[in-house]
Amino acid sequence: MSVFSAISDPTRRAMLDLVLKRPMSVGEIAEEFPAISQPGISKHLKVLRNARLVKVSIKAQKRFYSLDDSGFHEIGNWIDKYQKFWSTKLDALEYFLDDDAPDKKGKQ
């Protein structure tokens, strides 16, 4: 599954928000989603793991999930292509809104 398919699900995005704060065990994550079964939680985490958005570390008998930055690079690279477009548009908007723009002088 692609990174973009993985983040298309609101539950998985919420899981990413949780592990952004600190590594969490499967049980701790499951507590935040009482309407989803433990197998359902595990399936969501597997999708995130396969997309390289989370990684697992094992301590004793527990698995802890934390963010894995390798999957986020793909998202960042995709956004970078479009950020150039928005920067140009925002610069034009700033110029338009700026009181010192040549076409606004004298209209105040």
PDB file of N, CA and C in Angstrom:
ATOM      1  N   MET A   1       0.851  -1.186   0.000  1.00  0.00           N
ATOM      2  CA  MET A   1       0.000   0.000   0.000  1.00  0.00           C
ATOM      3  C   MET A   1       0.888   1.237   0.000  1.00  0.00           C
ATOM      4  N   SER A   2       0.484   2.243  -0.757  1.00  0.00           N
ATOM      5  CA  SER A   2       1.275   3.468  -0.835  1.00  0.00           C
ATOM      6  C   SER A   2       1.100   4.314   0.427  1.00  0.00           C
ATOM      7  N   VAL A   3       2.023   5.227   0.597  1.00  0.00           N
ATOM      8  CA  VAL A   3       1.957   6.156   1.722  1.00  0.00           C
ATOM      9  C   VAL A   3       0.659   6.941   1.664  1.00  0.00           C
ATOM     10  N   PHE A   4       0.268   7.352   0.466  1.00  0.00           N
ATOM     11  CA  PHE A   4      -0.926   8.178   0.326  1.00  0.00           C
ATOM     12  C   PHE A   4      -2.206   7.391   0.622  1.00  0.00           C
ATOM     13  N   SER A   5      -2.225   6.120   0.269  1.00  0.00           N
ATOM     14  CA  SER A   5      -3.367   5.276   0.631  1.00  0.00           C
ATOM     15  C   SER A   5      -3.422   5.093   2.143  1.00  0.00           C
ATOM     16  N   ALA A   6      -2.259   4.948   2.748  1.00  0.00           N
ATOM     17  CA  ALA A   6      -2.212   4.749   4.195  1.00  0.00           C
ATOM     18  C   ALA A   6      -2.760   5.958   4.943  1.00  0.00           C
ATOM     19  N   ILE A   7      -2.404   7.158   4.499  1.00  0.00           N
ATOM     20  CA  ILE A   7      -2.869   8.353   5.216  1.00  0.00           C
ATOM     21  C   ILE A   7      -4.250   8.820   4.773  1.00  0.00           C
ATOM     22  N   SER A   8      -4.838   8.132   3.808  1.00  0.00           N
ATOM     23  CA  SER A   8      -6.182   8.520   3.362  1.00  0.00           C
ATOM     24  C   SER A   8      -7.250   8.163   4.395  1.00  0.00           C
ATOM     25  N   ASP A   9      -6.933   7.255   5.301  1.00  0.00           N
ATOM     26  CA  ASP A   9      -7.904   6.821   6.313  1.00  0.00           C
ATOM     27  C   ASP A   9      -7.795   7.704   7.559  1.00  0.00           C
ATOM     28  N   PRO A  10      -8.909   8.291   8.017  1.00  0.00           N
ATOM     29  CA  PRO A  10      -8.854   9.180   9.184  1.00  0.00           C
ATOM     30  C   PRO A  10      -8.403   8.483  10.475  1.00  0.00           C
ATOM     31  N   THR A  11      -8.712   7.213  10.623  1.00  0.00           N
ATOM     32  CA  THR A  11      -8.265   6.484  11.813  1.00  0.00           C
ATOM     33  C   THR A  11      -6.751   6.363  11.827  1.00  0.00           C
ATOM     34  N   ARG A  12      -6.179   6.054  10.689  1.00  0.00           N
ATOM     35  CA  ARG A  12      -4.717   5.931  10.617  1.00  0.00           C
ATOM     36  C   ARG A  12      -4.046   7.285  10.835  1.00  0.00           C
ATOM     37  N   ARG A  13      -4.637   8.356  10.321  1.00  0.00           N
ATOM     38  CA  ARG A  13      -4.079   9.689  10.572  1.00  0.00           C
ATOM     39  C   ARG A  13      -4.136  10.007  12.062  1.00  0.00           C
ATOM     40  N   ALA A  14      -5.214   9.630  12.719  1.00  0.00           N
ATOM     41  CA  ALA A  14      -5.334   9.854  14.164  1.00  0.00           C
ATOM     42  C   ALA A  14      -4.285   9.031  14.923  1.00  0.00           C
ATOM     43  N   MET A  15      -4.008   7.829  14.456  1.00  0.00           N
ATOM     44  CA  MET A  15      -2.964   7.001  15.084  1.00  0.00           C
ATOM     45  C   MET A  15      -1.591   7.663  14.935  1.00  0.00           C
ATOM     46  N   LEU A  16      -1.338   8.241  13.773  1.00  0.00           N
ATOM     47  CA  LEU A  16      -0.073   8.958  13.578  1.00  0.00           C
ATOM     48  C   LEU A  16       0.035  10.140  14.536  1.00  0.00           C
ATOM     49  N   ASP A  17      -1.075  10.837  14.736  1.00  0.00           N
ATOM     50  CA  ASP A  17      -1.072  11.953  15.682  1.00  0.00           C
ATOM     51  C   ASP A  17      -0.734  11.482  17.097  1.00  0.00           C
ATOM     52  N   LEU A  18      -1.230  10.309  17.457  1.00  0.00           N
ATOM     53  CA  LEU A  18      -0.946   9.771  18.789  1.00  0.00           C
ATOM     54  C   LEU A  18       0.531   9.455  18.974  1.00  0.00           C
ATOM     55  N   VAL A  19       1.110   8.743  18.028  1.00  0.00           N
ATOM     56  CA  VAL A  19       2.504   8.328  18.187  1.00  0.00           C
ATOM     57  C   VAL A  19       3.476   9.456  17.874  1.00  0.00           C
ATOM     58  N   LEU A  20       2.971  10.562  17.364  1.00  0.00           N
ATOM     59  CA  LEU A  20       3.801  11.749  17.187  1.00  0.00           C
ATOM     60  C   LEU A  20       4.252  12.265  18.560  1.00  0.00           C
ATOM     61  N   LYS A  21       3.380  12.167  19.539  1.00  0.00           N
ATOM     62  CA  LYS A  21       3.664  12.672  20.884  1.00  0.00           C
ATOM     63  C   LYS A  21       4.695  11.825  21.615  1.00  0.00           C
ATOM     64  N   ARG A  22       4.556  10.505  21.484  1.00  0.00           N
ATOM     65  CA  ARG A  22       5.474   9.589  22.168  1.00  0.00           C
ATOM     66  C   ARG A  22       5.216   8.179  21.658  1.00  0.00           C
ATOM     67  N   PRO A  23       6.204   7.282  21.766  1.00  0.00           N
ATOM     68  CA  PRO A  23       5.951   5.885  21.402  1.00  0.00           C
ATOM     69  C   PRO A  23       4.828   5.311  22.267  1.00  0.00           C
ATOM     70  N   MET A  24       3.979   4.516  21.656  1.00  0.00           N
ATOM     71  CA  MET A  24       2.840   3.939  22.375  1.00  0.00           C
ATOM     72  C   MET A  24       2.727   2.459  22.071  1.00  0.00           C
ATOM     73  N   SER A  25       2.241   1.727  23.063  1.00  0.00           N
ATOM     74  CA  SER A  25       1.994   0.301  22.868  1.00  0.00           C
ATOM     75  C   SER A  25       0.690   0.123  22.104  1.00  0.00           C
ATOM     76  N   VAL A  26       0.505  -1.062  21.564  1.00  0.00           N
ATOM     77  CA  VAL A  26      -0.737  -1.372  20.846  1.00  0.00           C
ATOM     78  C   VAL A  26      -1.938  -1.163  21.776  1.00  0.00           C
ATOM     79  N   GLY A  27      -1.802  -1.593  23.013  1.00  0.00           N
ATOM     80  CA  GLY A  27      -2.902  -1.435  23.975  1.00  0.00           C
ATOM     81  C   GLY A  27      -3.251   0.017  24.227  1.00  0.00           C
ATOM     82  N   GLU A  28      -2.219   0.865  24.347  1.00  0.00           N
ATOM     83  CA  GLU A  28      -2.470   2.291  24.566  1.00  0.00           C
ATOM     84  C   GLU A  28      -3.161   2.909  23.355  1.00  0.00           C
ATOM     85  N   ILE A  29      -2.737   2.510  22.184  1.00  0.00           N
ATOM     86  CA  ILE A  29      -3.378   3.018  20.964  1.00  0.00           C
ATOM     87  C   ILE A  29      -4.825   2.538  20.908  1.00  0.00           C
ATOM     88  N   ALA A  30      -5.038   1.276  21.206  1.00  0.00           N
ATOM     89  CA  ALA A  30      -6.392   0.697  21.160  1.00  0.00           C
ATOM     90  C   ALA A  30      -7.338   1.398  22.132  1.00  0.00           C
ATOM     91  N   GLU A  31      -6.830   1.845  23.283  1.00  0.00           N
ATOM     92  CA  GLU A  31      -7.677   2.549  24.259  1.00  0.00           C
ATOM     93  C   GLU A  31      -8.274   3.829  23.670  1.00  0.00           C
ATOM     94  N   GLU A  32      -7.581   4.414  22.719  1.00  0.00           N
ATOM     95  CA  GLU A  32      -8.050   5.661  22.109  1.00  0.00           C
ATOM     96  C   GLU A  32      -9.125   5.427  21.044  1.00  0.00           C
ATOM     97  N   PHE A  33      -9.329   4.164  20.676  1.00  0.00           N
ATOM     98  CA  PHE A  33     -10.304   3.815  19.632  1.00  0.00           C
ATOM     99  C   PHE A  33     -11.208   2.683  20.134  1.00  0.00           C
ATOM    100  N   PRO A  34     -12.074   2.972  21.101  1.00  0.00           N
ATOM    101  CA  PRO A  34     -12.885   1.912  21.710  1.00  0.00           C
ATOM    102  C   PRO A  34     -13.846   1.222  20.736  1.00  0.00           C
ATOM    103  N   ALA A  35     -14.175   1.863  19.635  1.00  0.00           N
ATOM    104  CA  ALA A  35     -15.113   1.266  18.679  1.00  0.00           C
ATOM    105  C   ALA A  35     -14.432   0.294  17.718  1.00  0.00           C
ATOM    106  N   ILE A  36     -13.099   0.210  17.790  1.00  0.00           N
ATOM    107  CA  ILE A  36     -12.361  -0.663  16.877  1.00  0.00           C
ATOM    108  C   ILE A  36     -11.779  -1.829  17.667  1.00  0.00           C
ATOM    109  N   SER A  37     -11.935  -3.038  17.147  1.00  0.00           N
ATOM    110  CA  SER A  37     -11.418  -4.230  17.820  1.00  0.00           C
ATOM    111  C   SER A  37      -9.886  -4.231  17.801  1.00  0.00           C
ATOM    112  N   GLN A  38      -9.301  -5.036  18.672  1.00  0.00           N
ATOM    113  CA  GLN A  38      -7.842  -5.176  18.710  1.00  0.00           C
ATOM    114  C   GLN A  38      -7.294  -5.646  17.350  1.00  0.00           C
ATOM    115  N   PRO A  39      -7.928  -6.652  16.705  1.00  0.00           N
ATOM    116  CA  PRO A  39      -7.443  -7.032  15.366  1.00  0.00           C
ATOM    117  C   PRO A  39      -7.546  -5.882  14.355  1.00  0.00           C
ATOM    118  N   GLY A  40      -8.577  -5.071  14.482  1.00  0.00           N
ATOM    119  CA  GLY A  40      -8.730  -3.910  13.599  1.00  0.00           C
ATOM    120  C   GLY A  40      -7.608  -2.906  13.803  1.00  0.00           C
ATOM    121  N   ILE A  41      -7.256  -2.659  15.063  1.00  0.00           N
ATOM    122  CA  ILE A  41      -6.142  -1.760  15.393  1.00  0.00           C
ATOM    123  C   ILE A  41      -4.859  -2.310  14.786  1.00  0.00           C
ATOM    124  N   SER A  42      -4.637  -3.601  14.948  1.00  0.00           N
ATOM    125  CA  SER A  42      -3.426  -4.230  14.419  1.00  0.00           C
ATOM    126  C   SER A  42      -3.346  -4.110  12.898  1.00  0.00           C
ATOM    127  N   LYS A  43      -4.490  -4.232  12.223  1.00  0.00           N
ATOM    128  CA  LYS A  43      -4.499  -4.094  10.762  1.00  0.00           C
ATOM    129  C   LYS A  43      -4.123  -2.676  10.342  1.00  0.00           C
ATOM    130  N   HIS A  44      -4.666  -1.684  11.032  1.00  0.00           N
ATOM    131  CA  HIS A  44      -4.317  -0.300  10.735  1.00  0.00           C
ATOM    132  C   HIS A  44      -2.816  -0.063  10.962  1.00  0.00           C
ATOM    133  N   LEU A  45      -2.297  -0.584  12.063  1.00  0.00           N
ATOM    134  CA  LEU A  45      -0.880  -0.402  12.358  1.00  0.00           C
ATOM    135  C   LEU A  45       0.006  -1.112  11.333  1.00  0.00           C
ATOM    136  N   LYS A  46      -0.465  -2.233  10.844  1.00  0.00           N
ATOM    137  CA  LYS A  46       0.294  -2.955   9.817  1.00  0.00           C
ATOM    138  C   LYS A  46       0.375  -2.127   8.535  1.00  0.00           C
ATOM    139  N   VAL A  47      -0.732  -1.496   8.166  1.00  0.00           N
ATOM    140  CA  VAL A  47      -0.742  -0.638   6.977  1.00  0.00           C
ATOM    141  C   VAL A  47       0.258   0.506   7.164  1.00  0.00           C
ATOM    142  N   LEU A  48       0.236   1.133   8.335  1.00  0.00           N
ATOM    143  CA  LEU A  48       1.161   2.232   8.605  1.00  0.00           C
ATOM    144  C   LEU A  48       2.614   1.751   8.602  1.00  0.00           C
ATOM    145  N   ARG A  49       2.838   0.579   9.127  1.00  0.00           N
ATOM    146  CA  ARG A  49       4.193  -0.004   9.153  1.00  0.00           C
ATOM    147  C   ARG A  49       4.668  -0.318   7.735  1.00  0.00           C
ATOM    148  N   ASN A  50       3.808  -0.916   6.917  1.00  0.00           N
ATOM    149  CA  ASN A  50       4.161  -1.242   5.533  1.00  0.00           C
ATOM    150  C   ASN A  50       4.427   0.006   4.697  1.00  0.00           C
ATOM    151  N   ALA A  51       3.776   1.115   5.041  1.00  0.00           N
ATOM    152  CA  ALA A  51       3.987   2.379   4.338  1.00  0.00           C
ATOM    153  C   ALA A  51       5.194   3.136   4.902  1.00  0.00           C
ATOM    154  N   ARG A  52       5.857   2.547   5.867  1.00  0.00           N
ATOM    155  CA  ARG A  52       7.030   3.134   6.513  1.00  0.00           C
ATOM    156  C   ARG A  52       6.706   4.450   7.219  1.00  0.00           C
ATOM    157  N   LEU A  53       5.507   4.527   7.806  1.00  0.00           N
ATOM    158  CA  LEU A  53       5.105   5.704   8.571  1.00  0.00           C
ATOM    159  C   LEU A  53       5.282   5.497  10.067  1.00  0.00           C
ATOM    160  N   VAL A  54       5.252   4.235  10.493  1.00  0.00           N
ATOM    161  CA  VAL A  54       5.552   3.903  11.893  1.00  0.00           C
ATOM    162  C   VAL A  54       6.556   2.755  11.917  1.00  0.00           C
ATOM    163  N   LYS A  55       7.266   2.676  13.025  1.00  0.00           N
ATOM    164  CA  LYS A  55       8.179   1.556  13.239  1.00  0.00           C
ATOM    165  C   LYS A  55       7.863   0.950  14.596  1.00  0.00           C
ATOM    166  N   VAL A  56       8.282  -0.287  14.767  1.00  0.00           N
ATOM    167  CA  VAL A  56       7.973  -1.039  15.984  1.00  0.00           C
ATOM    168  C   VAL A  56       9.260  -1.333  16.733  1.00  0.00           C
ATOM    169  N   SER A  57       9.194  -1.146  18.031  1.00  0.00           N
ATOM    170  CA  SER A  57      10.287  -1.615  18.879  1.00  0.00           C
ATOM    171  C   SER A  57       9.664  -2.519  19.939  1.00  0.00           C
ATOM    172  N   ILE A  58      10.363  -3.566  20.283  1.00  0.00           N
ATOM    173  CA  ILE A  58       9.837  -4.538  21.242  1.00  0.00           C
ATOM    174  C   ILE A  58      10.600  -4.393  22.555  1.00  0.00           C
ATOM    175  N   LYS A  59       9.840  -4.230  23.618  1.00  0.00           N
ATOM    176  CA  LYS A  59      10.395  -4.157  24.966  1.00  0.00           C
ATOM    177  C   LYS A  59       9.633  -5.162  25.818  1.00  0.00           C
ATOM    178  N   ALA A  60      10.366  -6.145  26.294  1.00  0.00           N
ATOM    179  CA  ALA A  60       9.758  -7.261  27.037  1.00  0.00           C
ATOM    180  C   ALA A  60       8.718  -7.909  26.117  1.00  0.00           C
ATOM    181  N   GLN A  61       7.466  -7.912  26.545  1.00  0.00           N
ATOM    182  CA  GLN A  61       6.418  -8.554  25.741  1.00  0.00           C
ATOM    183  C   GLN A  61       5.549  -7.547  24.976  1.00  0.00           C
ATOM    184  N   LYS A  62       5.923  -6.269  25.044  1.00  0.00           N
ATOM    185  CA  LYS A  62       5.102  -5.238  24.410  1.00  0.00           C
ATOM    186  C   LYS A  62       5.763  -4.702  23.153  1.00  0.00           C
ATOM    187  N   ARG A  63       4.914  -4.327  22.205  1.00  0.00           N
ATOM    188  CA  ARG A  63       5.361  -3.674  20.980  1.00  0.00           C
ATOM    189  C   ARG A  63       4.993  -2.196  21.087  1.00  0.00           C
ATOM    190  N   PHE A  64       5.984  -1.353  20.850  1.00  0.00           N
ATOM    191  CA  PHE A  64       5.766   0.086  20.895  1.00  0.00           C
ATOM    192  C   PHE A  64       5.908   0.662  19.495  1.00  0.00           C
ATOM    193  N   TYR A  65       4.970   1.522  19.149  1.00  0.00           N
ATOM    194  CA  TYR A  65       4.959   2.143  17.835  1.00  0.00           C
ATOM    195  C   TYR A  65       5.389   3.600  17.963  1.00  0.00           C
ATOM    196  N   SER A  66       6.217   4.024  17.027  1.00  0.00           N
ATOM    197  CA  SER A  66       6.662   5.414  16.947  1.00  0.00           C
ATOM    198  C   SER A  66       6.738   5.795  15.466  1.00  0.00           C
ATOM    199  N   LEU A  67       6.878   7.090  15.212  1.00  0.00           N
ATOM    200  CA  LEU A  67       6.948   7.534  13.819  1.00  0.00           C
ATOM    201  C   LEU A  67       8.232   7.058  13.163  1.00  0.00           C
ATOM    202  N   ASP A  68       8.116   6.757  11.884  1.00  0.00           N
ATOM    203  CA  ASP A  68       9.255   6.368  11.051  1.00  0.00           C
ATOM    204  C   ASP A  68       9.341   7.420   9.950  1.00  0.00           C
ATOM    205  N   ASP A  69      10.389   8.208   9.955  1.00  0.00           N
ATOM    206  CA  ASP A  69      10.452   9.324   9.021  1.00  0.00           C
ATOM    207  C   ASP A  69      10.661   8.925   7.563  1.00  0.00           C
ATOM    208  N   SER A  70      11.020   7.695   7.298  1.00  0.00           N
ATOM    209  CA  SER A  70      11.295   7.318   5.906  1.00  0.00           C
ATOM    210  C   SER A  70      10.061   7.434   5.016  1.00  0.00           C
ATOM    211  N   GLY A  71       8.897   7.096   5.499  1.00  0.00           N
ATOM    212  CA  GLY A  71       7.672   7.223   4.705  1.00  0.00           C
ATOM    213  C   GLY A  71       7.251   8.665   4.499  1.00  0.00           C
ATOM    214  N   PHE A  72       7.616   9.518   5.432  1.00  0.00           N
ATOM    215  CA  PHE A  72       7.236  10.922   5.323  1.00  0.00           C
ATOM    216  C   PHE A  72       8.061  11.648   4.267  1.00  0.00           C
ATOM    217  N   HIS A  73       9.226  11.123   3.924  1.00  0.00           N
ATOM    218  CA  HIS A  73      10.030  11.731   2.862  1.00  0.00           C
ATOM    219  C   HIS A  73       9.282  11.703   1.532  1.00  0.00           C
ATOM    220  N   GLU A  74       8.583  10.616   1.265  1.00  0.00           N
ATOM    221  CA  GLU A  74       7.808  10.515   0.027  1.00  0.00           C
ATOM    222  C   GLU A  74       6.730  11.585  -0.018  1.00  0.00           C
ATOM    223  N   ILE A  75       6.070  11.810   1.102  1.00  0.00           N
ATOM    224  CA  ILE A  75       5.031  12.847   1.182  1.00  0.00           C
ATOM    225  C   ILE A  75       5.666  14.216   0.986  1.00  0.00           C
ATOM    226  N   GLY A  76       6.789  14.443   1.659  1.00  0.00           N
ATOM    227  CA  GLY A  76       7.482  15.722   1.542  1.00  0.00           C
ATOM    228  C   GLY A  76       7.928  16.019   0.123  1.00  0.00           C
ATOM    229  N   ASN A  77       8.445  15.013  -0.560  1.00  0.00           N
ATOM    230  CA  ASN A  77       8.881  15.198  -1.947  1.00  0.00           C
ATOM    231  C   ASN A  77       7.713  15.550  -2.849  1.00  0.00           C
ATOM    232  N   TRP A  78       6.583  14.931  -2.617  1.00  0.00           N
ATOM    233  CA  TRP A  78       5.398  15.216  -3.415  1.00  0.00           C
ATOM    234  C   TRP A  78       4.921  16.650  -3.157  1.00  0.00           C
ATOM    235  N   ILE A  79       4.895  17.056  -1.900  1.00  0.00           N
ATOM    236  CA  ILE A  79       4.443  18.407  -1.538  1.00  0.00           C
ATOM    237  C   ILE A  79       5.387  19.462  -2.102  1.00  0.00           C
ATOM    238  N   ASP A  80       6.689  19.176  -2.105  1.00  0.00           N
ATOM    239  CA  ASP A  80       7.678  20.144  -2.602  1.00  0.00           C
ATOM    240  C   ASP A  80       7.378  20.591  -4.028  1.00  0.00           C
ATOM    241  N   LYS A  81       6.905  19.667  -4.858  1.00  0.00           N
ATOM    242  CA  LYS A  81       6.586  20.027  -6.240  1.00  0.00           C
ATOM    243  C   LYS A  81       5.524  21.112  -6.309  1.00  0.00           C
ATOM    244  N   TYR A  82       4.556  21.067  -5.417  1.00  0.00           N
ATOM    245  CA  TYR A  82       3.438  21.992  -5.440  1.00  0.00           C
ATOM    246  C   TYR A  82       3.694  23.236  -4.611  1.00  0.00           C
ATOM    247  N   GLN A  83       4.628  23.151  -3.691  1.00  0.00           N
ATOM    248  CA  GLN A  83       4.931  24.298  -2.836  1.00  0.00           C
ATOM    249  C   GLN A  83       5.462  25.457  -3.684  1.00  0.00           C
ATOM    250  N   LYS A  84       6.215  25.162  -4.738  1.00  0.00           N
ATOM    251  CA  LYS A  84       6.727  26.208  -5.631  1.00  0.00           C
ATOM    252  C   LYS A  84       5.560  26.979  -6.251  1.00  0.00           C
ATOM    253  N   PHE A  85       4.525  26.257  -6.629  1.00  0.00           N
ATOM    254  CA  PHE A  85       3.334  26.880  -7.200  1.00  0.00           C
ATOM    255  C   PHE A  85       2.690  27.823  -6.191  1.00  0.00           C
ATOM    256  N   TRP A  86       2.514  27.349  -4.964  1.00  0.00           N
ATOM    257  CA  TRP A  86       1.848  28.158  -3.953  1.00  0.00           C
ATOM    258  C   TRP A  86       2.688  29.347  -3.530  1.00  0.00           C
ATOM    259  N   SER A  87       3.998  29.185  -3.479  1.00  0.00           N
ATOM    260  CA  SER A  87       4.856  30.314  -3.115  1.00  0.00           C
ATOM    261  C   SER A  87       4.678  31.461  -4.096  1.00  0.00           C
ATOM    262  N   THR A  88       4.643  31.161  -5.383  1.00  0.00           N
ATOM    263  CA  THR A  88       4.451  32.187  -6.408  1.00  0.00           C
ATOM    264  C   THR A  88       3.096  32.863  -6.234  1.00  0.00           C
ATOM    265  N   LYS A  89       2.059  32.059  -6.009  1.00  0.00           N
ATOM    266  CA  LYS A  89       0.710  32.616  -5.856  1.00  0.00           C
ATOM    267  C   LYS A  89       0.607  33.465  -4.591  1.00  0.00           C
ATOM    268  N   LEU A  90       1.220  33.022  -3.502  1.00  0.00           N
ATOM    269  CA  LEU A  90       1.161  33.784  -2.256  1.00  0.00           C
ATOM    270  C   LEU A  90       1.958  35.078  -2.365  1.00  0.00           C
ATOM    271  N   ASP A  91       3.076  35.048  -3.080  1.00  0.00           N
ATOM    272  CA  ASP A  91       3.841  36.270  -3.307  1.00  0.00           C
ATOM    273  C   ASP A  91       3.001  37.281  -4.086  1.00  0.00           C
ATOM    274  N   ALA A  92       2.293  36.802  -5.092  1.00  0.00           N
ATOM    275  CA  ALA A  92       1.430  37.684  -5.882  1.00  0.00           C
ATOM    276  C   ALA A  92       0.306  38.253  -5.020  1.00  0.00           C
ATOM    277  N   LEU A  93      -0.267  37.438  -4.155  1.00  0.00           N
ATOM    278  CA  LEU A  93      -1.321  37.911  -3.262  1.00  0.00           C
ATOM    279  C   LEU A  93      -0.774  38.956  -2.303  1.00  0.00           C
ATOM    280  N   GLU A  94       0.393  38.714  -1.760  1.00  0.00           N
ATOM    281  CA  GLU A  94       1.002  39.677  -0.837  1.00  0.00           C
ATOM    282  C   GLU A  94       1.218  41.014  -1.548  1.00  0.00           C
ATOM    283  N   TYR A  95       1.719  40.956  -2.764  1.00  0.00           N
ATOM    284  CA  TYR A  95       1.938  42.174  -3.535  1.00  0.00           C
ATOM    285  C   TYR A  95       0.615  42.900  -3.772  1.00  0.00           C
ATOM    286  N   PHE A  96      -0.407  42.158  -4.106  1.00  0.00           N
ATOM    287  CA  PHE A  96      -1.719  42.742  -4.359  1.00  0.00           C
ATOM    288  C   PHE A  96      -2.282  43.417  -3.111  1.00  0.00           C
ATOM    289  N   LEU A  97      -2.092  42.790  -1.973  1.00  0.00           N
ATOM    290  CA  LEU A  97      -2.635  43.322  -0.728  1.00  0.00           C
ATOM    291  C   LEU A  97      -1.770  44.424  -0.116  1.00  0.00           C
ATOM    292  N   ASP A  98      -0.543  44.512  -0.555  1.00  0.00           N
ATOM    293  CA  ASP A  98       0.387  45.496  -0.024  1.00  0.00           C
ATOM    294  C   ASP A  98      -0.082  46.901  -0.390  1.00  0.00           C
ATOM    295  N   ASP A  99      -0.133  47.777   0.582  1.00  0.00           N
ATOM    296  CA  ASP A  99      -0.569  49.159   0.348  1.00  0.00           C
ATOM    297  C   ASP A  99       0.379  49.931  -0.559  1.00  0.00           C
ATOM    298  N   ASP A 100       1.623  49.464  -0.706  1.00  0.00           N
ATOM    299  CA  ASP A 100       2.589  50.182  -1.520  1.00  0.00           C
ATOM    300  C   ASP A 100       2.554  49.743  -2.988  1.00  0.00           C
ATOM    301  N   ALA A 101       1.650  48.849  -3.338  1.00  0.00           N
ATOM    302  CA  ALA A 101       1.564  48.405  -4.730  1.00  0.00           C
ATOM    303  C   ALA A 101       1.236  49.604  -5.610  1.00  0.00           C
ATOM    304  N   PRO A 102       1.890  49.724  -6.779  1.00  0.00           N
ATOM    305  CA  PRO A 102       1.714  50.910  -7.647  1.00  0.00           C
ATOM    306  C   PRO A 102       0.263  51.212  -8.000  1.00  0.00           C
ATOM    307  N   ASP A 103      -0.550  50.214  -8.260  1.00  0.00           N
ATOM    308  CA  ASP A 103      -1.936  50.471  -8.670  1.00  0.00           C
ATOM    309  C   ASP A 103      -2.836  50.892  -7.511  1.00  0.00           C
ATOM    310  N   LYS A 104      -2.343  50.813  -6.284  1.00  0.00           N
ATOM    311  CA  LYS A 104      -3.165  51.209  -5.122  1.00  0.00           C
ATOM    312  C   LYS A 104      -2.817  52.607  -4.648  1.00  0.00           C
ATOM    313  N   LYS A 105      -1.701  53.158  -5.096  1.00  0.00           N
ATOM    314  CA  LYS A 105      -1.325  54.501  -4.655  1.00  0.00           C
ATOM    315  C   LYS A 105      -2.375  55.491  -5.165  1.00  0.00           C
ATOM    316  N   GLY A 106      -2.761  56.351  -4.292  1.00  0.00           N
ATOM    317  CA  GLY A 106      -3.728  57.363  -4.671  1.00  0.00           C
ATOM    318  C   GLY A 106      -5.169  56.906  -4.536  1.00  0.00           C
ATOM    319  N   LYS A 107      -5.438  55.614  -4.256  1.00  0.00           N
ATOM    320  CA  LYS A 107      -6.812  55.122  -4.144  1.00  0.00           C
ATOM    321  C   LYS A 107      -7.293  55.120  -2.698  1.00  0.00           C
ATOM    322  N   GLN A 108      -6.454  55.560  -1.780  1.00  0.00           N
ATOM    323  CA  GLN A 108      -6.825  55.479  -0.368  1.00  0.00           C
ATOM    324  C   GLN A 108      -7.703  56.613   0.063  1.00  0.00           C
TER     325      GLN A 108
END
